[in-house]
Each structure stands twice: as structure tokens, then as C-alpha cells.
Amino acid sequence: MNPQTLSPESCLRLQDRYTYPWKTEKSWAGSCRQVVVRYTDGTTYRANFNFVK
């Protein structure tokens, strides 16, 4: 996955939660990936994913 800048227009906000529609590559099966979200205030959050199929 290439680094992307998320804008409010690319996310769906529901009750203080944001949903980003994300399609994964079939070639990712059996691999681990990490999503890093950096806010303009400098806060960083990371989410790790393990793709099994």
C-alpha cells in the first residue's frame, strides 16, 4: 500500500468514528501490514493486520 493522505471527504464519520473504505490486494494473503495514522497535531496511531486469505 502506498502512503496516502486521508481527507474528511474520503472517510465516513459515524458517531465519533471514521470509516475508510479500503480494498486489499489478494497478494497480501499470508502477510502482515501496518496502517499508520498521523494527525496534524502530531498524534500517531498504528494498527496491525494479519491477512490470512
Protein backbone atom coordinates (compact mmCIF):
# COMPACT_ATOMS: atom_id res chain seq x y z
CA MET A 1 0.00 0.00 0.00
CA ASN A 2 1.28 3.43 -0.80
CA PRO A 3 1.21 6.16 1.83
CA GLN A 4 -1.94 8.23 1.47
CA THR A 5 -3.29 11.40 2.94
CA LEU A 6 -6.81 10.86 4.20
CA SER A 7 -9.20 13.73 3.92
CA PRO A 8 -12.60 14.09 5.56
CA GLU A 9 -14.12 13.56 2.10
CA SER A 10 -12.57 10.08 1.80
CA CYS A 11 -13.90 8.87 5.17
CA LEU A 12 -17.34 8.19 6.58
CA ARG A 13 -17.94 9.63 10.05
CA LEU A 14 -20.42 7.86 12.31
CA GLN A 15 -20.74 8.83 15.98
CA ASP A 16 -17.11 9.92 16.51
CA ARG A 17 -15.76 7.03 14.42
CA TYR A 18 -14.29 7.26 10.98
CA THR A 19 -14.56 4.51 8.39
CA TYR A 20 -12.19 4.41 5.44
CA PRO A 21 -13.19 2.12 2.56
CA TRP A 22 -10.09 0.07 1.85
CA LYS A 23 -9.63 -2.73 -0.68
CA THR A 24 -6.74 -5.08 -0.12
CA GLU A 25 -4.65 -6.93 -2.67
CA LYS A 26 -5.13 -10.68 -2.98
CA SER A 27 -1.34 -10.98 -2.99
CA TRP A 28 -1.34 -9.82 0.65
CA ALA A 29 -2.61 -13.24 1.79
CA GLY A 30 -0.25 -14.67 4.39
CA SER A 31 1.33 -11.30 5.15
CA CYS A 32 1.16 -8.66 7.87
CA ARG A 33 0.62 -4.96 7.19
CA GLN A 34 0.58 -1.84 9.31
CA VAL A 35 -1.55 1.27 8.88
CA VAL A 36 -0.19 4.44 10.44
CA VAL A 37 -2.49 7.41 11.01
CA ARG A 38 -0.81 10.73 11.80
CA TYR A 39 -2.94 13.68 12.82
CA THR A 40 -1.99 17.30 12.20
CA ASP A 41 -1.42 17.73 15.96
CA GLY A 42 1.39 15.17 15.77
CA THR A 43 -0.54 12.28 17.32
CA THR A 44 0.20 8.91 15.70
CA TYR A 45 -1.83 5.71 15.85
CA ARG A 46 -0.86 2.33 14.39
CA ALA A 47 -3.00 -0.68 13.52
CA ASN A 48 -1.50 -4.05 12.60
CA PHE A 49 -3.29 -6.50 10.32
CA ASN A 50 -2.60 -10.16 9.54
CA PHE A 51 -4.08 -11.26 6.21
CA VAL A 52 -4.81 -14.98 6.15
CA LYS A 53 -6.80 -15.43 2.91
